[in-house]
Amino acid sequence: MSVAHQAGIKVVRTYVDGRAYWIGIDNPGHRRKVFRTVDRELCGSEHMVAGITIFPQGEASSLHDHPESEEINVVLSGHGEAVGSDGSRWPFGPHDMIFIPKGLPHQHVNTGQEPLVLLWCYTPPGENPAS
């Protein structure tokens, strides 16, 4: 592992050191690749988890929530919409930030012509949706 550190500072190489896995791979329309890069196991984080999710064109997350965690997303590239459980839609693009209160059902949808890349962080630590 190439996690570099000095005096507690750690650099995690997202696509090398991150824990990579697919969510929704058998569920067309809900496929995305996750790179979990910050958590207790990977770098000793006590109060948050974070990573990057890549949504191919036309894909989305399932409608899900994080019962005990607030979430923040930073849109690194691509365009999409955050969708609420009532169908409300909030469009976003590169460098926008999205805040989601704990327990609030939400969905991320790639509406653009390129992959949507989101940096996400949950605090306190939570789990990614299963589907």
C-alpha atoms as a PDB file:
ATOM      1  CA  MET A   1       0.000   0.000   0.000  1.00  0.00           C
ATOM      2  CA  SER A   2       1.360   3.399  -0.911  1.00  0.00           C
ATOM      3  CA  VAL A   3      -0.361   5.399   1.807  1.00  0.00           C
ATOM      4  CA  ALA A   4       2.200   8.059   2.702  1.00  0.00           C
ATOM      5  CA  HIS A   5       2.156   9.567   6.166  1.00  0.00           C
ATOM      6  CA  GLN A   6       4.072  11.765   8.544  1.00  0.00           C
ATOM      7  CA  ALA A   7       2.923  12.862  11.984  1.00  0.00           C
ATOM      8  CA  GLY A   8      -0.568  11.454  11.364  1.00  0.00           C
ATOM      9  CA  ILE A   9      -1.059  13.003   7.912  1.00  0.00           C
ATOM     10  CA  LYS A  10      -1.883  10.375   5.310  1.00  0.00           C
ATOM     11  CA  VAL A  11      -2.142  10.544   1.554  1.00  0.00           C
ATOM     12  CA  VAL A  12      -4.365   7.813   0.183  1.00  0.00           C
ATOM     13  CA  ARG A  13      -3.984   7.144  -3.544  1.00  0.00           C
ATOM     14  CA  THR A  14      -7.664   6.835  -4.434  1.00  0.00           C
ATOM     15  CA  TYR A  15      -7.372   4.407  -7.335  1.00  0.00           C
ATOM     16  CA  VAL A  16      -4.454   2.434  -5.855  1.00  0.00           C
ATOM     17  CA  ASP A  17      -5.075   2.283  -2.092  1.00  0.00           C
ATOM     18  CA  GLY A  18      -8.837   2.794  -1.952  1.00  0.00           C
ATOM     19  CA  ARG A  19     -11.145  -0.154  -1.436  1.00  0.00           C
ATOM     20  CA  ALA A  20     -12.752  -0.473  -4.894  1.00  0.00           C
ATOM     21  CA  TYR A  21     -16.078  -2.202  -5.479  1.00  0.00           C
ATOM     22  CA  TRP A  22     -19.162  -1.985  -7.685  1.00  0.00           C
ATOM     23  CA  ILE A  23     -22.645  -1.271  -6.372  1.00  0.00           C
ATOM     24  CA  GLY A  24     -25.675  -2.286  -8.443  1.00  0.00           C
ATOM     25  CA  ILE A  25     -23.595  -4.151 -11.027  1.00  0.00           C
ATOM     26  CA  ASP A  26     -26.491  -6.564 -11.654  1.00  0.00           C
ATOM     27  CA  ASN A  27     -29.091  -3.798 -11.587  1.00  0.00           C
ATOM     28  CA  PRO A  28     -29.032  -1.783 -14.850  1.00  0.00           C
ATOM     29  CA  GLY A  29     -29.638   1.893 -14.167  1.00  0.00           C
ATOM     30  CA  HIS A  30     -28.054   1.707 -10.711  1.00  0.00           C
ATOM     31  CA  ARG A  31     -24.443   0.787 -11.499  1.00  0.00           C
ATOM     32  CA  ARG A  32     -21.549   2.733 -10.018  1.00  0.00           C
ATOM     33  CA  LYS A  33     -17.989   2.119  -8.936  1.00  0.00           C
ATOM     34  CA  VAL A  34     -16.957   3.150  -5.429  1.00  0.00           C
ATOM     35  CA  PHE A  35     -13.464   3.865  -4.166  1.00  0.00           C
ATOM     36  CA  ARG A  36     -13.659   4.064  -0.365  1.00  0.00           C
ATOM     37  CA  THR A  37     -10.503   5.888   0.710  1.00  0.00           C
ATOM     38  CA  VAL A  38     -10.988   7.216   4.226  1.00  0.00           C
ATOM     39  CA  ASP A  39     -12.138   5.014   7.091  1.00  0.00           C
ATOM     40  CA  ARG A  40     -10.777   3.490  10.286  1.00  0.00           C
ATOM     41  CA  GLU A  41      -9.144   0.547   8.507  1.00  0.00           C
ATOM     42  CA  LEU A  42      -7.489   2.452   5.656  1.00  0.00           C
ATOM     43  CA  CYS A  43      -6.160   5.476   7.510  1.00  0.00           C
ATOM     44  CA  GLY A  44      -7.341   5.446  11.120  1.00  0.00           C
ATOM     45  CA  SER A  45     -10.265   7.881  10.751  1.00  0.00           C
ATOM     46  CA  GLU A  46     -12.473   7.932  13.835  1.00  0.00           C
ATOM     47  CA  HIS A  47     -15.181  10.384  12.825  1.00  0.00           C
ATOM     48  CA  MET A  48     -15.783  10.099   9.072  1.00  0.00           C
ATOM     49  CA  VAL A  49     -15.676   7.916   6.002  1.00  0.00           C
ATOM     50  CA  ALA A  50     -15.075   9.248   2.506  1.00  0.00           C
ATOM     51  CA  GLY A  51     -14.384   8.222  -1.041  1.00  0.00           C
ATOM     52  CA  ILE A  52     -15.187   8.733  -4.681  1.00  0.00           C
ATOM     53  CA  THR A  53     -18.038   7.220  -6.662  1.00  0.00           C
ATOM     54  CA  ILE A  54     -18.080   7.122 -10.452  1.00  0.00           C
ATOM     55  CA  PHE A  55     -21.484   6.882 -12.138  1.00  0.00           C
ATOM     56  CA  PRO A  56     -21.341   5.881 -15.825  1.00  0.00           C
ATOM     57  CA  GLN A  57     -23.568   7.841 -18.207  1.00  0.00           C
ATOM     58  CA  GLY A  58     -27.262   7.226 -17.475  1.00  0.00           C
ATOM     59  CA  GLU A  59     -26.686   5.453 -14.150  1.00  0.00           C
ATOM     60  CA  ALA A  60     -27.939   6.397 -10.677  1.00  0.00           C
ATOM     61  CA  SER A  61     -27.807   5.299  -7.077  1.00  0.00           C
ATOM     62  CA  SER A  62     -30.773   3.639  -5.501  1.00  0.00           C
ATOM     63  CA  LEU A  63     -33.002   5.811  -3.302  1.00  0.00           C
ATOM     64  CA  HIS A  64     -31.261   5.385   0.042  1.00  0.00           C
ATOM     65  CA  ASP A  65     -30.435   7.093   3.304  1.00  0.00           C
ATOM     66  CA  HIS A  66     -27.757   7.086   5.970  1.00  0.00           C
ATOM     67  CA  PRO A  67     -29.789   6.869   9.207  1.00  0.00           C
ATOM     68  CA  GLU A  68     -27.125   8.248  11.535  1.00  0.00           C
ATOM     69  CA  SER A  69     -24.839  10.188   9.176  1.00  0.00           C
ATOM     70  CA  GLU A  70     -24.830  13.576   7.508  1.00  0.00           C
ATOM     71  CA  GLU A  71     -23.437  13.457   3.975  1.00  0.00           C
ATOM     72  CA  ILE A  72     -21.629  15.954   1.833  1.00  0.00           C
ATOM     73  CA  ASN A  73     -20.783  15.496  -1.852  1.00  0.00           C
ATOM     74  CA  VAL A  74     -18.410  17.499  -4.025  1.00  0.00           C
ATOM     75  CA  VAL A  75     -19.011  17.133  -7.758  1.00  0.00           C
ATOM     76  CA  LEU A  76     -15.571  16.615  -9.288  1.00  0.00           C
ATOM     77  CA  SER A  77     -16.859  16.211 -12.850  1.00  0.00           C
ATOM     78  CA  GLY A  78     -20.061  15.541 -14.727  1.00  0.00           C
ATOM     79  CA  HIS A  79     -23.636  16.670 -14.285  1.00  0.00           C
ATOM     80  CA  GLY A  80     -26.535  15.197 -12.427  1.00  0.00           C
ATOM     81  CA  GLU A  81     -29.468  15.616 -10.116  1.00  0.00           C
ATOM     82  CA  ALA A  82     -30.053  14.894  -6.464  1.00  0.00           C
ATOM     83  CA  VAL A  83     -33.523  13.396  -6.116  1.00  0.00           C
ATOM     84  CA  GLY A  84     -35.596  13.349  -2.932  1.00  0.00           C
ATOM     85  CA  SER A  85     -38.105  10.686  -1.874  1.00  0.00           C
ATOM     86  CA  ASP A  86     -40.947  12.994  -2.983  1.00  0.00           C
ATOM     87  CA  GLY A  87     -39.460  13.267  -6.494  1.00  0.00           C
ATOM     88  CA  SER A  88     -37.961  16.741  -5.957  1.00  0.00           C
ATOM     89  CA  ARG A  89     -34.900  17.286  -8.160  1.00  0.00           C
ATOM     90  CA  TRP A  90     -31.889  19.529  -7.635  1.00  0.00           C
ATOM     91  CA  PRO A  91     -29.509  19.791 -10.621  1.00  0.00           C
ATOM     92  CA  PHE A  92     -25.765  20.022  -9.999  1.00  0.00           C
ATOM     93  CA  GLY A  93     -22.535  20.301 -11.950  1.00  0.00           C
ATOM     94  CA  PRO A  94     -18.762  20.449 -11.528  1.00  0.00           C
ATOM     95  CA  HIS A  95     -17.546  21.902  -8.224  1.00  0.00           C
ATOM     96  CA  ASP A  96     -21.030  22.114  -6.708  1.00  0.00           C
ATOM     97  CA  MET A  97     -21.471  20.773  -3.191  1.00  0.00           C
ATOM     98  CA  ILE A  98     -24.480  18.807  -1.969  1.00  0.00           C
ATOM     99  CA  PHE A  99     -25.427  18.514   1.714  1.00  0.00           C
ATOM    100  CA  ILE A 100     -27.793  15.722   2.795  1.00  0.00           C
ATOM    101  CA  PRO A 101     -29.078  15.659   6.403  1.00  0.00           C
ATOM    102  CA  LYS A 102     -28.932  12.383   8.305  1.00  0.00           C
ATOM    103  CA  GLY A 103     -31.749   9.966   7.582  1.00  0.00           C
ATOM    104  CA  LEU A 104     -33.019  11.856   4.500  1.00  0.00           C
ATOM    105  CA  PRO A 105     -33.740   9.524   1.544  1.00  0.00           C
ATOM    106  CA  HIS A 106     -31.943  10.642  -1.603  1.00  0.00           C
ATOM    107  CA  GLN A 107     -30.662   9.478  -4.954  1.00  0.00           C
ATOM    108  CA  HIS A 108     -27.834  10.652  -7.219  1.00  0.00           C
ATOM    109  CA  VAL A 109     -28.566  10.539 -10.964  1.00  0.00           C
ATOM    110  CA  ASN A 110     -26.083  11.082 -13.791  1.00  0.00           C
ATOM    111  CA  THR A 111     -27.931  13.277 -16.319  1.00  0.00           C
ATOM    112  CA  GLY A 112     -24.857  14.218 -18.357  1.00  0.00           C
ATOM    113  CA  GLN A 113     -23.049  12.840 -21.375  1.00  0.00           C
ATOM    114  CA  GLU A 114     -19.948  11.792 -19.408  1.00  0.00           C
ATOM    115  CA  PRO A 115     -19.211   9.904 -16.189  1.00  0.00           C
ATOM    116  CA  LEU A 116     -20.339  11.656 -13.004  1.00  0.00           C
ATOM    117  CA  VAL A 117     -17.598  11.700 -10.363  1.00  0.00           C
ATOM    118  CA  LEU A 118     -18.618  12.524  -6.780  1.00  0.00           C
ATOM    119  CA  LEU A 119     -16.436  12.859  -3.716  1.00  0.00           C
ATOM    120  CA  TRP A 120     -18.551  11.868  -0.697  1.00  0.00           C
ATOM    121  CA  CYS A 121     -18.096  12.024   3.053  1.00  0.00           C
ATOM    122  CA  TYR A 122     -20.302  10.715   5.876  1.00  0.00           C
ATOM    123  CA  THR A 123     -19.999  11.729   9.495  1.00  0.00           C
ATOM    124  CA  PRO A 124     -20.308   9.957  11.812  1.00  0.00           C
ATOM    125  CA  PRO A 125     -19.059   6.971   9.812  1.00  0.00           C
ATOM    126  CA  GLY A 126     -21.726   5.145   7.832  1.00  0.00           C
ATOM    127  CA  GLU A 127     -21.986   2.534   5.152  1.00  0.00           C
ATOM    128  CA  ASN A 128     -22.507   2.922   1.423  1.00  0.00           C
ATOM    129  CA  PRO A 129     -25.876   1.716   0.114  1.00  0.00           C
ATOM    130  CA  ALA A 130     -25.992  -1.995  -0.705  1.00  0.00           C
ATOM    131  CA  SER A 131     -27.713  -1.490  -4.070  1.00  0.00           C
END
